[in-house]
């Protein structure tokens, strides 16, 4: 089936980060230059060299208060990642002015079979108390672990529905059930590239005529001992006991950048055909002009392929019918991991040449930590907000950076027509998306 050649827009933005639910909370913090990184409180992190995170306080978000009464029982089988996706989706639906099964008994704004859902997810970490209570039953008298006993009897001590909490597709599953979205649905698990690839999938589904709108993005919770341990083993994390100036700890593109920090959060965006948005009287935040996806071939979670980054960016520019000179702002991953930052800068230099140091960037990880599968959705949401407000938020990190405009900077107003958002991932995937200002 040939694709519909109509404009695809972002008509609603839902974000959940360490600052709480809603893009305004994150945006206000970024305008003020106020980081959300702090010492982890959810568990004792003292055994780790990196003890900080972009952690959402437990009291700031209760999923049972968001879902309709008919779905509250299901929250018992929601892991934290799913809760974040459900919270962000509720915020996105509200932002777009949509009526769904979760918001009202009135007829839905868009027919349920015309609403799809594509959500990026990560390797979901089990709650230690749940897993530990079962594992301890297979401990030998000498304190060692009996794997044979675990396989034969120990795992039977897990609750019957235990696995349902930790399947990556549960994020999209619960969101579609809550909002009665009956269109095409999918889950993408590609680390930091997950959200962007989900946006690309939603755009493709709409353009081929299988949906009019999609809930799209990603979410992930890394504030978990198992998740923190995995990142610790990769050597990607900055050393910190949580003391000192957190706003200067993650320094994207600095020569002495020493690592990143974990976070929890993500975003769901309403990706919609412009004709659908216009028909229902919606107000789009920005347009999705071009998408480029590539696969890197690297041997380490500390590496990225500059060639793949450049290729993905050029593909997005071609799709957007946009010259590199037309990009006003870049939102890179900007992880603070030196090898990744160097690869991003090198790849972007291939595309933008000597102009790169003059293009302002927006970096989100120094504010929220790296939310992995949810990180791209946060970056895209901030980019959409930046276009809407015609403003660049303040940057945290190093005072100076070489070859790219990413040093500490105060918030400023500027004319913004095109923004490039690029997300290389730990798994080697890379996605670039060009967003545009809605033309009157």
Protein backbone atom coordinates (compact mmCIF):
# COMPACT_ATOMS: atom_id res chain seq x y z
CA UNK A 1 0.00 0.00 0.00
CA UNK A 2 1.50 3.41 -0.96
CA UNK A 3 2.15 5.87 1.86
CA UNK A 4 0.01 8.93 2.37
CA UNK A 5 2.21 11.92 1.61
CA UNK A 6 0.70 14.17 4.25
CA UNK A 7 2.34 15.97 7.11
CA UNK A 8 2.73 14.14 10.42
CA UNK A 9 2.70 16.23 13.57
CA UNK A 10 3.25 15.93 17.29
CA UNK A 11 -0.06 17.08 18.77
CA UNK A 12 0.52 16.29 22.43
CA UNK A 13 3.44 15.77 24.80
CA UNK A 14 3.47 13.74 28.01
CA UNK A 15 6.64 13.59 30.09
CA UNK A 16 7.59 12.03 33.41
CA UNK A 17 11.02 12.68 34.93
CA UNK A 18 12.66 13.19 38.31
CA UNK A 19 10.88 16.57 38.38
CA UNK A 20 7.42 14.96 38.21
CA UNK A 21 4.71 14.48 35.61
CA UNK A 22 4.45 17.08 32.86
CA UNK A 23 6.71 18.90 30.42
CA UNK A 24 6.23 22.18 32.27
CA UNK A 25 7.98 20.89 35.40
CA UNK A 26 10.97 19.71 33.38
CA UNK A 27 10.97 22.82 31.21
CA UNK A 28 10.90 25.19 34.19
CA UNK A 29 13.84 23.37 35.76
CA UNK A 30 15.81 23.57 32.51
CA UNK A 31 15.05 27.26 32.04
CA UNK A 32 16.30 27.90 35.58
CA UNK A 33 19.32 25.59 35.17
CA UNK A 34 18.25 23.36 38.10
CA UNK A 35 19.36 19.72 37.96
CA UNK A 36 17.28 16.84 39.30
CA UNK A 37 20.28 14.61 40.05
CA UNK A 38 20.81 13.66 43.71
CA UNK A 39 21.91 10.76 45.89
CA UNK A 40 19.65 7.72 45.49
CA UNK A 41 17.04 7.39 48.23
CA UNK A 42 15.04 4.34 47.04
CA UNK A 43 17.74 1.93 48.20
CA UNK A 44 21.16 2.14 49.83
CA UNK A 45 23.63 2.83 46.98
CA UNK A 46 26.75 2.98 49.18
CA UNK A 47 28.23 -0.16 47.61
CA UNK A 48 28.46 1.57 44.22
CA UNK A 49 30.96 4.16 43.03
CA UNK A 50 28.09 6.05 41.34
CA UNK A 51 25.41 6.74 43.95
CA UNK A 52 23.32 9.36 42.14
CA UNK A 53 20.32 9.32 39.83
CA UNK A 54 17.50 11.34 38.38
CA UNK A 55 15.03 9.77 40.80
CA UNK A 56 11.31 10.51 40.88
CA UNK A 57 10.21 10.70 44.54
CA UNK A 58 7.69 7.99 45.38
CA UNK A 59 5.16 10.48 46.75
CA UNK A 60 5.20 12.52 43.53
CA UNK A 61 3.66 9.81 41.37
CA UNK A 62 1.03 7.16 42.13
CA UNK A 63 -0.21 5.24 39.11
CA UNK A 64 -3.44 4.20 40.88
CA UNK A 65 -4.47 7.86 40.93
CA UNK A 66 -4.06 8.09 37.13
CA UNK A 67 -5.78 5.02 35.74
CA UNK A 68 -9.60 4.65 35.74
CA UNK A 69 -11.14 2.63 38.57
CA UNK A 70 -11.77 -0.28 36.24
CA UNK A 71 -8.02 -0.69 35.69
CA UNK A 72 -6.73 -0.20 39.23
CA UNK A 73 -6.55 -3.91 39.95
CA UNK A 74 -4.16 -4.28 37.03
CA UNK A 75 -1.67 -1.90 38.65
CA UNK A 76 -0.63 -4.84 40.85
CA UNK A 77 1.10 -6.38 37.85
CA UNK A 78 2.72 -3.16 36.65
CA UNK A 79 6.46 -2.76 37.10
CA UNK A 80 7.85 0.74 37.55
CA UNK A 81 8.64 1.08 33.84
CA UNK A 82 5.02 0.36 32.93
CA UNK A 83 3.78 2.80 35.56
CA UNK A 84 5.96 5.51 34.00
CA UNK A 85 4.59 4.80 30.52
CA UNK A 86 0.99 4.85 31.75
CA UNK A 87 1.60 8.14 33.57
CA UNK A 88 3.24 9.76 30.54
CA UNK A 89 0.46 8.52 28.24
CA UNK A 90 -2.21 10.07 30.47
CA UNK A 91 -0.32 13.36 30.37
CA UNK A 92 0.04 13.18 26.57
CA UNK A 93 -3.67 12.52 26.03
CA UNK A 94 -4.50 15.49 28.23
CA UNK A 95 -1.95 17.67 26.44
CA UNK A 96 -3.47 16.83 23.04
CA UNK A 97 -7.02 17.47 24.22
CA UNK A 98 -8.13 13.95 23.38
CA UNK A 99 -11.02 12.02 24.85
CA UNK A 100 -10.29 8.32 25.35
CA UNK A 101 -11.77 5.46 27.35
CA UNK A 102 -9.55 6.55 30.26
CA UNK A 103 -10.67 10.17 30.38
CA UNK A 104 -14.44 10.19 29.90
CA UNK A 105 -17.58 8.19 29.18
CA UNK A 106 -18.09 10.42 26.15
CA UNK A 107 -17.32 9.04 22.67
CA UNK A 108 -13.58 9.07 21.92
CA UNK A 109 -12.15 11.91 19.84
CA UNK A 110 -10.57 9.42 17.45
CA UNK A 111 -12.07 5.99 16.74
CA UNK A 112 -10.21 3.39 18.83
CA UNK A 113 -9.29 1.28 15.80
CA UNK A 114 -7.56 4.35 14.33
CA UNK A 115 -5.26 4.87 17.33
CA UNK A 116 -1.99 2.92 17.44
CA UNK A 117 0.66 2.59 20.12
CA UNK A 118 4.44 2.16 19.86
CA UNK A 119 6.50 2.37 23.03
CA UNK A 120 10.20 1.81 23.60
CA UNK A 121 11.22 -0.32 26.58
CA UNK A 122 14.41 -1.57 28.16
CA UNK A 123 15.67 -4.63 29.98
CA UNK A 124 13.28 -4.36 32.92
CA UNK A 125 14.90 -5.10 36.26
CA UNK A 126 13.01 -7.21 38.79
CA UNK A 127 12.30 -5.80 42.22
CA UNK A 128 15.00 -7.16 44.51
CA UNK A 129 12.61 -8.03 47.33
CA UNK A 130 10.42 -10.15 45.04
CA UNK A 131 13.30 -11.99 43.41
CA UNK A 132 15.33 -12.28 46.60
CA UNK A 133 12.48 -13.89 48.56
CA UNK A 134 12.44 -16.71 46.01
CA UNK A 135 16.21 -16.98 45.53
CA UNK A 136 16.86 -17.44 49.25
CA UNK A 137 14.87 -20.68 49.21
CA UNK A 138 17.63 -22.23 47.07
CA UNK A 139 20.49 -21.31 49.37
CA UNK A 140 22.65 -24.18 50.60
CA UNK A 141 23.70 -24.61 54.23
CA UNK A 142 27.16 -23.24 53.41
CA UNK A 143 25.56 -20.08 51.97
CA UNK A 144 26.18 -20.84 48.29
CA UNK A 145 23.43 -20.89 45.69
CA UNK A 146 22.00 -24.24 44.55
CA UNK A 147 21.16 -23.78 40.87
CA UNK A 148 19.70 -27.27 40.54
CA UNK A 149 17.32 -26.64 43.43
CA UNK A 150 16.36 -23.29 41.89
CA UNK A 151 15.44 -24.93 38.59
CA UNK A 152 13.49 -27.76 40.22
CA UNK A 153 11.81 -26.00 43.14
CA UNK A 154 13.11 -22.52 43.94
CA UNK A 155 11.52 -20.61 41.12
CA UNK A 156 8.15 -22.04 42.11
CA UNK A 157 8.28 -19.56 44.98
CA UNK A 158 7.85 -16.68 42.57
CA UNK A 159 4.27 -15.41 42.40
CA UNK A 160 2.29 -16.91 39.47
CA UNK A 161 2.00 -13.56 37.68
CA UNK A 162 5.57 -12.47 38.41
CA UNK A 163 6.78 -12.57 34.81
CA UNK A 164 3.87 -10.44 33.57
CA UNK A 165 5.37 -7.43 35.37
CA UNK A 166 8.70 -7.62 33.58
CA UNK A 167 7.89 -8.29 29.93
CA UNK A 168 8.97 -5.25 27.84
CA UNK A 169 5.73 -5.25 25.84
CA UNK A 170 3.73 -4.64 29.03
CA UNK A 171 4.29 -0.88 28.67
CA UNK A 172 2.37 -0.71 25.39
CA UNK A 173 -0.02 -3.43 26.58
CA UNK A 174 -1.30 -1.47 29.58
CA UNK A 175 -1.37 1.87 27.72
CA UNK A 176 -3.48 0.40 24.93
CA UNK A 177 -5.88 -1.25 27.40
CA UNK A 178 -6.27 1.90 29.51
CA UNK A 179 -7.03 4.09 26.48
CA UNK A 180 -8.70 1.38 24.38
CA UNK A 181 -6.27 1.91 21.52
CA UNK A 182 -7.07 -0.81 19.00
CA UNK A 183 -4.75 0.18 16.15
CA UNK A 184 -1.32 -1.28 15.35
CA UNK A 185 0.87 -1.72 18.43
CA UNK A 186 4.52 -2.60 18.87
CA UNK A 187 7.39 -2.54 21.34
CA UNK A 188 10.95 -1.56 20.46
CA UNK A 189 13.89 -2.42 22.73
CA UNK A 190 16.98 -0.60 21.46
CA UNK A 191 18.31 1.22 24.53
CA UNK A 192 18.56 5.00 24.03
CA UNK A 193 17.30 4.73 20.44
CA UNK A 194 14.04 3.05 21.50
CA UNK A 195 11.89 6.18 21.76
CA UNK A 196 13.02 7.65 18.46
CA UNK A 197 12.54 4.36 16.66
CA UNK A 198 9.04 4.11 18.16
CA UNK A 199 8.23 7.60 16.82
CA UNK A 200 9.52 6.46 13.43
CA UNK A 201 7.27 3.37 13.57
CA UNK A 202 4.22 5.46 14.48
CA UNK A 203 4.91 7.84 11.62
CA UNK A 204 5.22 4.91 9.22
CA UNK A 205 1.95 3.34 10.43
CA UNK A 206 0.05 6.61 9.99
CA UNK A 207 1.51 7.34 6.57
CA UNK A 208 0.52 3.94 5.24
CA UNK A 209 -3.06 4.59 6.38
CA UNK A 210 -3.37 2.11 9.26
CA UNK A 211 -3.96 4.75 11.94
CA UNK A 212 -4.73 8.44 12.32
CA UNK A 213 -2.83 8.90 15.59
CA UNK A 214 -0.46 6.91 17.82
CA UNK A 215 0.73 7.07 21.40
CA UNK A 216 4.46 6.84 20.91
CA UNK A 217 7.69 7.18 22.89
CA UNK A 218 9.36 5.22 25.64
CA UNK A 219 10.02 4.89 29.36
CA UNK A 220 12.49 3.13 31.62
CA UNK A 221 13.39 2.95 35.30
CA UNK A 222 17.10 2.56 36.00
CA UNK A 223 16.86 3.42 39.71
CA UNK A 224 17.08 -0.21 40.71
CA UNK A 225 20.05 -2.09 42.24
CA UNK A 226 20.20 -4.58 39.36
CA UNK A 227 19.98 -1.86 36.70
CA UNK A 228 22.59 0.24 38.49
CA UNK A 229 24.89 -2.77 38.75
CA UNK A 230 24.65 -3.49 35.03
CA UNK A 231 25.55 0.10 34.18
CA UNK A 232 28.32 0.03 36.76
CA UNK A 233 29.84 -3.01 35.01
CA UNK A 234 29.89 -1.22 31.65
CA UNK A 235 32.03 1.61 33.05
CA UNK A 236 29.60 4.24 31.76
CA UNK A 237 28.82 5.92 35.10
CA UNK A 238 30.41 8.94 36.75
CA UNK A 239 31.81 8.43 40.25
CA UNK A 240 29.90 10.35 42.91
CA UNK A 241 28.69 9.84 46.46
CA UNK A 242 26.01 12.47 45.97
CA UNK A 243 27.86 15.34 47.58
CA UNK A 244 29.01 18.50 45.87
CA UNK A 245 27.56 20.42 42.94
CA UNK A 246 25.36 18.05 40.94
CA UNK A 247 24.88 20.61 38.17
CA UNK A 248 28.53 20.33 37.18
CA UNK A 249 28.84 16.55 37.44
CA UNK A 250 27.67 15.41 33.97
CA UNK A 251 29.66 17.35 31.38
CA UNK A 252 28.66 16.45 27.80
CA UNK A 253 31.37 16.99 25.18
CA UNK A 254 33.96 18.18 27.73
CA UNK A 255 37.53 16.96 27.27
CA UNK A 256 37.48 15.66 30.84
CA UNK A 257 33.96 14.19 30.77
CA UNK A 258 33.97 11.26 33.18
CA UNK A 259 30.64 9.48 32.71
CA UNK A 260 26.90 9.61 32.92
CA UNK A 261 24.25 9.00 35.60
CA UNK A 262 21.17 6.80 35.60
CA UNK A 263 17.62 8.12 35.68
CA UNK A 264 14.00 7.06 35.56
CA UNK A 265 11.43 8.51 33.26
CA UNK A 266 10.40 8.96 29.67
CA UNK A 267 7.68 10.37 27.55
CA UNK A 268 4.72 9.55 25.37
CA UNK A 269 3.94 11.82 22.44
CA UNK A 270 0.80 11.94 20.33
CA UNK A 271 1.96 11.41 16.76
CA UNK A 272 -0.90 12.32 14.43
CA UNK A 273 -1.77 12.96 10.82
CA UNK A 274 -2.10 16.70 10.31
CA UNK A 275 -5.49 16.20 8.64
CA UNK A 276 -6.76 14.36 11.73
CA UNK A 277 -5.42 17.03 14.06
CA UNK A 278 -7.01 19.80 11.99
CA UNK A 279 -10.35 18.01 11.72
CA UNK A 280 -10.70 17.65 15.50
CA UNK A 281 -9.51 21.19 16.19
CA UNK A 282 -6.18 20.15 17.71
CA UNK A 283 -3.12 22.37 18.01
CA UNK A 284 0.12 20.70 16.89
CA UNK A 285 3.36 21.43 18.72
CA UNK A 286 5.60 20.76 15.74
CA UNK A 287 5.94 18.70 12.57
CA UNK A 288 7.94 15.50 12.07
CA UNK A 289 9.80 16.31 8.88
CA UNK A 290 12.35 13.52 8.51
CA UNK A 291 13.64 10.34 10.13
CA UNK A 292 16.88 8.44 9.60
CA UNK A 293 17.84 5.11 11.24
CA UNK A 294 21.15 3.27 11.10
CA UNK A 295 22.96 0.44 12.88
CA UNK A 296 26.46 0.88 14.29
CA UNK A 297 29.02 -1.89 14.48
CA UNK A 298 30.82 -1.37 17.75
CA UNK A 299 32.30 -3.77 20.26
CA UNK A 300 31.71 -1.87 23.48
CA UNK A 301 28.87 -0.03 25.28
CA UNK A 302 31.32 2.86 25.51
CA UNK A 303 31.55 3.27 21.74
CA UNK A 304 29.46 4.64 18.89
CA UNK A 305 30.04 4.77 15.15
CA UNK A 306 30.45 8.32 13.77
CA UNK A 307 29.67 7.05 10.29
CA UNK A 308 26.32 5.66 11.39
CA UNK A 309 25.46 8.92 13.17
CA UNK A 310 26.31 10.95 10.08
CA UNK A 311 24.39 8.56 7.81
CA UNK A 312 21.26 8.63 10.01
CA UNK A 313 21.38 12.43 10.16
CA UNK A 314 21.80 12.80 6.40
CA UNK A 315 18.90 10.40 5.81
CA UNK A 316 16.68 12.47 8.12
CA UNK A 317 17.70 15.67 6.31
CA UNK A 318 16.91 14.14 2.90
CA UNK A 319 13.48 13.00 4.10
CA UNK A 320 12.86 16.46 5.50
CA UNK A 321 13.93 18.06 2.20
CA UNK A 322 16.18 20.12 4.42
CA UNK A 323 19.75 21.30 3.99
CA UNK A 324 22.14 21.02 6.93
CA UNK A 325 22.35 24.83 6.94
CA UNK A 326 18.66 25.00 7.89
CA UNK A 327 19.07 23.22 11.25
CA UNK A 328 18.81 25.80 14.03
CA UNK A 329 19.27 23.60 17.11
CA UNK A 330 20.67 20.12 17.79
CA UNK A 331 19.56 17.86 20.66
CA UNK A 332 22.28 15.19 20.89
CA UNK A 333 22.44 12.32 23.36
CA UNK A 334 25.14 14.26 25.22
CA UNK A 335 25.71 11.50 27.74
CA UNK A 336 28.89 12.77 29.36
CA UNK A 337 30.63 9.51 28.37
CA UNK A 338 33.73 10.76 26.58
CA UNK A 339 33.94 8.06 23.90
CA UNK A 340 30.26 8.46 23.00
CA UNK A 341 30.45 12.24 23.03
CA UNK A 342 33.53 12.18 20.80
CA UNK A 343 31.75 9.91 18.32
CA UNK A 344 28.67 12.16 18.30
CA UNK A 345 30.78 15.23 17.69
CA UNK A 346 32.73 13.50 14.92
CA UNK A 347 29.58 12.27 13.19
CA UNK A 348 27.89 15.67 13.43
CA UNK A 349 31.04 17.36 12.09
CA UNK A 350 30.80 15.19 8.97
CA UNK A 351 27.31 16.62 8.37
CA UNK A 352 27.67 20.21 9.53
CA UNK A 353 31.39 20.87 9.03
CA UNK A 354 32.76 24.17 10.31
CA UNK A 355 29.24 25.33 11.16
CA UNK A 356 28.80 22.81 14.00
CA UNK A 357 30.41 25.01 16.72
CA UNK A 358 27.88 27.76 15.90
CA UNK A 359 24.73 25.60 16.26
CA UNK A 360 23.34 25.70 19.81
CA UNK A 361 22.61 22.36 21.46
CA UNK A 362 20.19 21.25 24.16
CA UNK A 363 21.41 18.54 26.54
CA UNK A 364 18.93 16.83 28.87
CA UNK A 365 20.94 14.13 30.68
CA UNK A 366 22.63 16.58 33.11
CA UNK A 367 19.09 17.36 34.33
CA UNK A 368 17.38 13.96 34.37
CA UNK A 369 20.09 11.34 34.16
CA UNK A 370 20.08 8.83 31.32
CA UNK A 371 16.60 7.28 31.20
CA UNK A 372 17.74 4.90 28.43
CA UNK A 373 14.64 3.73 26.51
CA UNK A 374 12.81 6.85 27.72
CA UNK A 375 15.65 9.24 26.99
CA UNK A 376 14.80 9.92 23.36
CA UNK A 377 11.19 10.75 24.21
CA UNK A 378 12.38 13.28 26.78
CA UNK A 379 14.73 14.81 24.21
CA UNK A 380 11.98 14.97 21.56
CA UNK A 381 9.53 16.50 24.05
CA UNK A 382 12.02 19.18 25.04
CA UNK A 383 12.77 19.85 21.36
CA UNK A 384 9.04 20.22 20.62
CA UNK A 385 8.64 22.57 23.59
CA UNK A 386 11.66 24.57 22.44
CA UNK A 387 10.10 25.04 18.99
CA UNK A 388 6.78 25.97 20.53
CA UNK A 389 8.32 28.53 22.90
CA UNK A 390 11.03 29.68 20.46
CA UNK A 391 13.47 29.32 23.34
CA UNK A 392 16.55 27.30 24.30
CA UNK A 393 16.75 26.23 27.96
CA UNK A 394 19.89 26.65 30.01
CA UNK A 395 22.70 24.12 29.61
CA UNK A 396 24.55 22.46 32.46
CA UNK A 397 27.95 20.80 32.34
CA UNK A 398 31.36 22.09 31.36
CA UNK A 399 32.15 25.76 30.93
CA UNK A 400 33.76 25.13 27.56
CA UNK A 401 33.57 22.37 24.97
CA UNK A 402 35.61 21.86 21.81
CA UNK A 403 34.09 21.67 18.34
CA UNK A 404 30.46 21.87 19.45
CA UNK A 405 28.34 24.49 21.20
CA UNK A 406 27.52 22.53 24.37
CA UNK A 407 29.08 24.50 27.23
CA UNK A 408 27.22 25.99 30.20
CA UNK A 409 24.76 28.57 28.95
CA UNK A 410 21.81 30.61 30.16
CA UNK A 411 18.36 30.22 28.63
CA UNK A 412 17.75 32.43 25.62
CA UNK A 413 15.04 33.27 23.08
CA UNK A 414 15.82 32.63 19.44
CA UNK A 415 14.14 31.92 16.15
CA UNK A 416 13.77 28.13 15.75
CA UNK A 417 12.39 26.52 12.60
CA UNK A 418 14.21 23.17 12.50
CA UNK A 419 15.60 20.99 15.29
CA UNK A 420 17.64 17.82 14.89
CA UNK A 421 17.29 15.20 17.64
CA UNK A 422 19.83 12.37 17.45
CA UNK A 423 20.03 9.28 19.66
CA UNK A 424 22.88 6.78 19.38
CA UNK A 425 22.36 3.81 21.67
CA UNK A 426 24.31 1.41 23.83
CA UNK A 427 23.19 -1.38 21.51
CA UNK A 428 24.57 0.31 18.39
CA UNK A 429 21.31 1.56 16.89
CA UNK A 430 21.05 5.22 15.94
CA UNK A 431 18.04 7.37 15.05
CA UNK A 432 17.91 10.99 13.88
CA UNK A 433 14.69 13.01 13.66
CA UNK A 434 14.12 16.47 12.21
CA UNK A 435 11.31 18.42 13.83
CA UNK A 436 9.90 21.58 12.26
CA UNK A 437 7.91 24.61 13.29
CA UNK A 438 4.24 24.51 12.34
CA UNK A 439 3.71 26.99 9.54
CA UNK A 440 0.72 29.32 9.83
